[in-house]
């Protein structure tokens, strides 16, 4: 019989650990909150969806053993982390180069719907896919909570990864909502929005350098 979930003694700690990990600040959170602050709630939700889809690709790679090949190959890890760092720097540059129009009072209440939803989703997914640390994390984290027979390991890994990413997306929704509430209360001036862009770009740039010089 197909065994998709571990016992409750493993499932409950997995969910709690996953929530704690998803609340930990990182590249994903900085990117999603930057999109939210710049382009509104919908852009943040699209970015969070892209991050989750990219993470599920890493989960699938872990379930199929592809991530183990990445862990074993210094060259593959080096190439992927350089590409990931370069992409983060590119995102940071885009944030600095963007000049969003000053929001009106109506826009402060209700963010505009983003026309380039697919572009934002793909950008978020790429941000995650090019981060080899995510793949190695899934490879190390998920197996600790699997109690399936060998023939069910792949399916249980996929289900646990799906639960992890659903929880992560829900946390993003909460953070996006709080970010929009803060933006509405502050009614950010041009100076504040400029400072926010520079801070966000600086965080992403710092994370890019950290990724570039990190070891497995």
Protein backbone atom coordinates (compact mmCIF):
# COMPACT_ATOMS: atom_id res chain seq x y z
CA UNK A 1 0.00 0.00 0.00
CA UNK A 2 1.25 3.47 -0.90
CA UNK A 3 2.61 5.20 2.20
CA UNK A 4 2.54 8.96 1.55
CA UNK A 5 2.94 10.33 5.07
CA UNK A 6 5.20 9.41 7.98
CA UNK A 7 3.84 8.62 11.42
CA UNK A 8 2.54 11.54 13.51
CA UNK A 9 5.63 11.28 15.71
CA UNK A 10 7.62 12.41 12.66
CA UNK A 11 5.02 14.49 10.82
CA UNK A 12 4.32 16.95 13.65
CA UNK A 13 8.01 17.77 14.30
CA UNK A 14 8.48 18.09 10.52
CA UNK A 15 5.70 20.66 10.23
CA UNK A 16 6.96 22.64 13.23
CA UNK A 17 10.55 22.57 11.99
CA UNK A 18 9.38 23.60 8.52
CA UNK A 19 7.48 26.60 9.89
CA UNK A 20 10.51 27.70 11.90
CA UNK A 21 12.77 27.35 8.86
CA UNK A 22 10.36 29.23 6.59
CA UNK A 23 10.32 32.10 9.10
CA UNK A 24 14.12 32.37 8.95
CA UNK A 25 15.17 35.42 6.87
CA UNK A 26 16.94 34.56 3.65
CA UNK A 27 17.16 35.26 -0.07
CA UNK A 28 13.59 34.08 -0.71
CA UNK A 29 12.06 36.30 1.97
CA UNK A 30 14.10 39.35 0.91
CA UNK A 31 13.06 38.87 -2.72
CA UNK A 32 9.35 38.42 -1.98
CA UNK A 33 9.18 41.38 0.38
CA UNK A 34 11.10 43.54 -2.10
CA UNK A 35 8.56 42.71 -4.84
CA UNK A 36 5.73 43.45 -2.43
CA UNK A 37 7.14 46.80 -1.33
CA UNK A 38 7.89 47.85 -4.91
CA UNK A 39 4.97 46.55 -6.93
CA UNK A 40 2.23 45.66 -4.48
CA UNK A 41 0.52 42.65 -2.98
CA UNK A 42 -0.13 40.75 -6.20
CA UNK A 43 3.49 40.96 -7.27
CA UNK A 44 4.51 39.62 -3.88
CA UNK A 45 2.08 36.72 -4.18
CA UNK A 46 3.34 35.89 -7.67
CA UNK A 47 6.94 36.03 -6.44
CA UNK A 48 6.11 33.74 -3.51
CA UNK A 49 4.45 31.29 -5.91
CA UNK A 50 7.58 31.28 -8.07
CA UNK A 51 9.77 30.65 -5.03
CA UNK A 52 7.53 27.73 -4.01
CA UNK A 53 7.59 26.21 -7.51
CA UNK A 54 11.38 26.47 -7.63
CA UNK A 55 11.59 24.80 -4.24
CA UNK A 56 9.37 21.95 -5.45
CA UNK A 57 11.80 21.36 -8.31
CA UNK A 58 14.55 20.96 -5.71
CA UNK A 59 12.30 18.59 -3.75
CA UNK A 60 11.72 16.51 -6.89
CA UNK A 61 15.45 16.47 -7.61
CA UNK A 62 16.08 15.28 -4.06
CA UNK A 63 13.45 12.54 -4.36
CA UNK A 64 14.94 11.30 -7.64
CA UNK A 65 18.53 11.41 -6.37
CA UNK A 66 19.59 14.29 -8.63
CA UNK A 67 20.50 16.50 -5.67
CA UNK A 68 22.85 13.78 -4.46
CA UNK A 69 24.78 14.16 -7.71
CA UNK A 70 25.00 17.90 -7.07
CA UNK A 71 26.29 17.24 -3.57
CA UNK A 72 28.93 14.89 -4.94
CA UNK A 73 30.12 17.20 -7.72
CA UNK A 74 32.27 20.16 -6.76
CA UNK A 75 32.10 21.48 -10.33
CA UNK A 76 28.31 21.38 -10.53
CA UNK A 77 28.01 23.08 -7.15
CA UNK A 78 30.51 25.78 -8.15
CA UNK A 79 28.79 26.53 -11.47
CA UNK A 80 25.33 26.66 -9.92
CA UNK A 81 26.34 28.91 -7.03
CA UNK A 82 28.12 31.35 -9.40
CA UNK A 83 25.04 31.50 -11.62
CA UNK A 84 22.86 31.97 -8.55
CA UNK A 85 25.03 34.76 -7.18
CA UNK A 86 25.10 36.49 -10.58
CA UNK A 87 21.31 36.27 -10.83
CA UNK A 88 20.85 37.77 -7.36
CA UNK A 89 23.12 40.65 -8.34
CA UNK A 90 21.03 41.10 -11.48
CA UNK A 91 17.85 41.26 -9.38
CA UNK A 92 19.51 43.77 -7.04
CA UNK A 93 20.49 45.92 -10.05
CA UNK A 94 16.92 45.79 -11.39
CA UNK A 95 15.60 46.97 -8.04
CA UNK A 96 17.99 49.92 -8.01
CA UNK A 97 17.27 50.79 -11.64
CA UNK A 98 13.50 50.71 -11.22
CA UNK A 99 11.70 53.97 -10.62
CA UNK A 100 8.12 53.14 -9.63
CA UNK A 101 5.70 56.05 -9.79
CA UNK A 102 4.69 57.67 -6.55
CA UNK A 103 1.62 55.88 -5.22
CA UNK A 104 -1.68 57.71 -5.09
CA UNK A 105 -4.02 57.42 -2.14
CA UNK A 106 -6.06 54.79 -4.02
CA UNK A 107 -2.97 52.76 -4.83
CA UNK A 108 -2.02 52.81 -1.16
CA UNK A 109 -5.30 51.12 -0.35
CA UNK A 110 -5.33 48.60 -3.20
CA UNK A 111 -2.14 47.63 -5.10
CA UNK A 112 -2.41 47.46 -8.87
CA UNK A 113 -2.71 44.03 -10.45
CA UNK A 114 0.56 43.13 -12.11
CA UNK A 115 0.25 42.43 -15.85
CA UNK A 116 3.50 40.42 -15.96
CA UNK A 117 2.48 37.70 -13.52
CA UNK A 118 4.22 34.89 -15.43
CA UNK A 119 7.42 36.92 -15.62
CA UNK A 120 7.44 37.48 -11.87
CA UNK A 121 6.68 33.81 -11.17
CA UNK A 122 9.52 32.69 -13.45
CA UNK A 123 11.88 35.21 -11.85
CA UNK A 124 11.04 33.89 -8.39
CA UNK A 125 11.46 30.28 -9.50
CA UNK A 126 14.82 31.07 -11.10
CA UNK A 127 16.02 32.80 -7.94
CA UNK A 128 15.41 29.56 -6.06
CA UNK A 129 16.53 27.12 -8.75
CA UNK A 130 19.95 28.76 -9.05
CA UNK A 131 20.60 28.49 -5.33
CA UNK A 132 22.35 25.14 -4.75
CA UNK A 133 21.98 25.55 -0.99
CA UNK A 134 18.24 24.97 -1.35
CA UNK A 135 18.83 21.67 -3.12
CA UNK A 136 21.36 20.53 -0.52
CA UNK A 137 19.02 21.62 2.27
CA UNK A 138 16.18 19.49 0.88
CA UNK A 139 18.57 16.58 0.48
CA UNK A 140 19.61 16.82 4.13
CA UNK A 141 16.31 17.87 5.73
CA UNK A 142 13.55 15.74 4.21
CA UNK A 143 15.05 12.25 4.74
CA UNK A 144 15.14 12.82 8.50
CA UNK A 145 11.33 12.62 8.58
CA UNK A 146 10.74 9.70 6.23
CA UNK A 147 9.70 6.30 7.57
CA UNK A 148 8.44 4.74 4.33
CA UNK A 149 9.44 1.43 2.82
CA UNK A 150 12.02 1.80 0.03
CA UNK A 151 9.39 1.64 -2.72
CA UNK A 152 7.51 4.59 -1.18
CA UNK A 153 10.44 6.88 -0.38
CA UNK A 154 10.07 8.97 -3.54
CA UNK A 155 6.37 9.61 -2.97
CA UNK A 156 6.80 10.42 0.70
CA UNK A 157 9.62 12.83 -0.11
CA UNK A 158 7.41 14.62 -2.64
CA UNK A 159 4.48 14.87 -0.21
CA UNK A 160 6.67 16.18 2.61
CA UNK A 161 8.20 18.70 0.22
CA UNK A 162 4.73 19.81 -0.86
CA UNK A 163 3.66 20.30 2.77
CA UNK A 164 6.84 22.27 3.46
CA UNK A 165 6.20 24.58 0.51
CA UNK A 166 2.49 25.06 1.23
CA UNK A 167 3.38 26.13 4.76
CA UNK A 168 6.06 28.40 3.35
CA UNK A 169 3.63 30.02 0.93
CA UNK A 170 1.10 30.65 3.71
CA UNK A 171 3.84 32.32 5.76
CA UNK A 172 4.69 34.47 2.76
CA UNK A 173 1.03 35.50 2.46
CA UNK A 174 1.07 36.67 6.09
CA UNK A 175 4.34 38.59 5.61
CA UNK A 176 3.06 40.17 2.39
CA UNK A 177 -0.11 41.29 4.17
CA UNK A 178 1.91 42.82 7.01
CA UNK A 179 4.19 44.56 4.51
CA UNK A 180 1.22 46.09 2.71
CA UNK A 181 -0.30 47.25 6.01
CA UNK A 182 2.99 48.88 6.96
CA UNK A 183 3.25 50.56 3.55
CA UNK A 184 -0.29 51.88 3.85
CA UNK A 185 0.34 53.29 7.32
CA UNK A 186 3.64 54.88 6.37
CA UNK A 187 2.37 56.32 3.07
CA UNK A 188 5.98 56.17 1.97
CA UNK A 189 7.55 59.29 0.57
CA UNK A 190 9.93 59.27 -2.38
CA UNK A 191 12.88 59.40 0.02
CA UNK A 192 11.61 56.43 2.03
CA UNK A 193 10.92 54.38 -1.12
CA UNK A 194 14.39 55.18 -2.44
CA UNK A 195 15.96 54.13 0.86
CA UNK A 196 13.91 50.92 0.78
CA UNK A 197 15.16 50.10 -2.73
CA UNK A 198 18.78 50.61 -1.71
CA UNK A 199 18.39 48.55 1.48
CA UNK A 200 16.72 45.69 -0.38
CA UNK A 201 19.26 45.72 -3.18
CA UNK A 202 22.06 45.81 -0.60
CA UNK A 203 20.62 42.78 1.21
CA UNK A 204 20.30 40.79 -2.02
CA UNK A 205 23.79 41.86 -3.10
CA UNK A 206 25.22 40.76 0.24
CA UNK A 207 23.46 37.41 -0.06
CA UNK A 208 24.83 37.04 -3.57
CA UNK A 209 28.38 37.51 -2.30
CA UNK A 210 27.72 35.12 0.58
CA UNK A 211 26.44 32.51 -1.87
CA UNK A 212 29.41 33.03 -4.19
CA UNK A 213 31.91 32.35 -1.40
CA UNK A 214 30.01 29.62 0.41
CA UNK A 215 31.15 26.00 0.59
CA UNK A 216 29.01 22.89 0.61
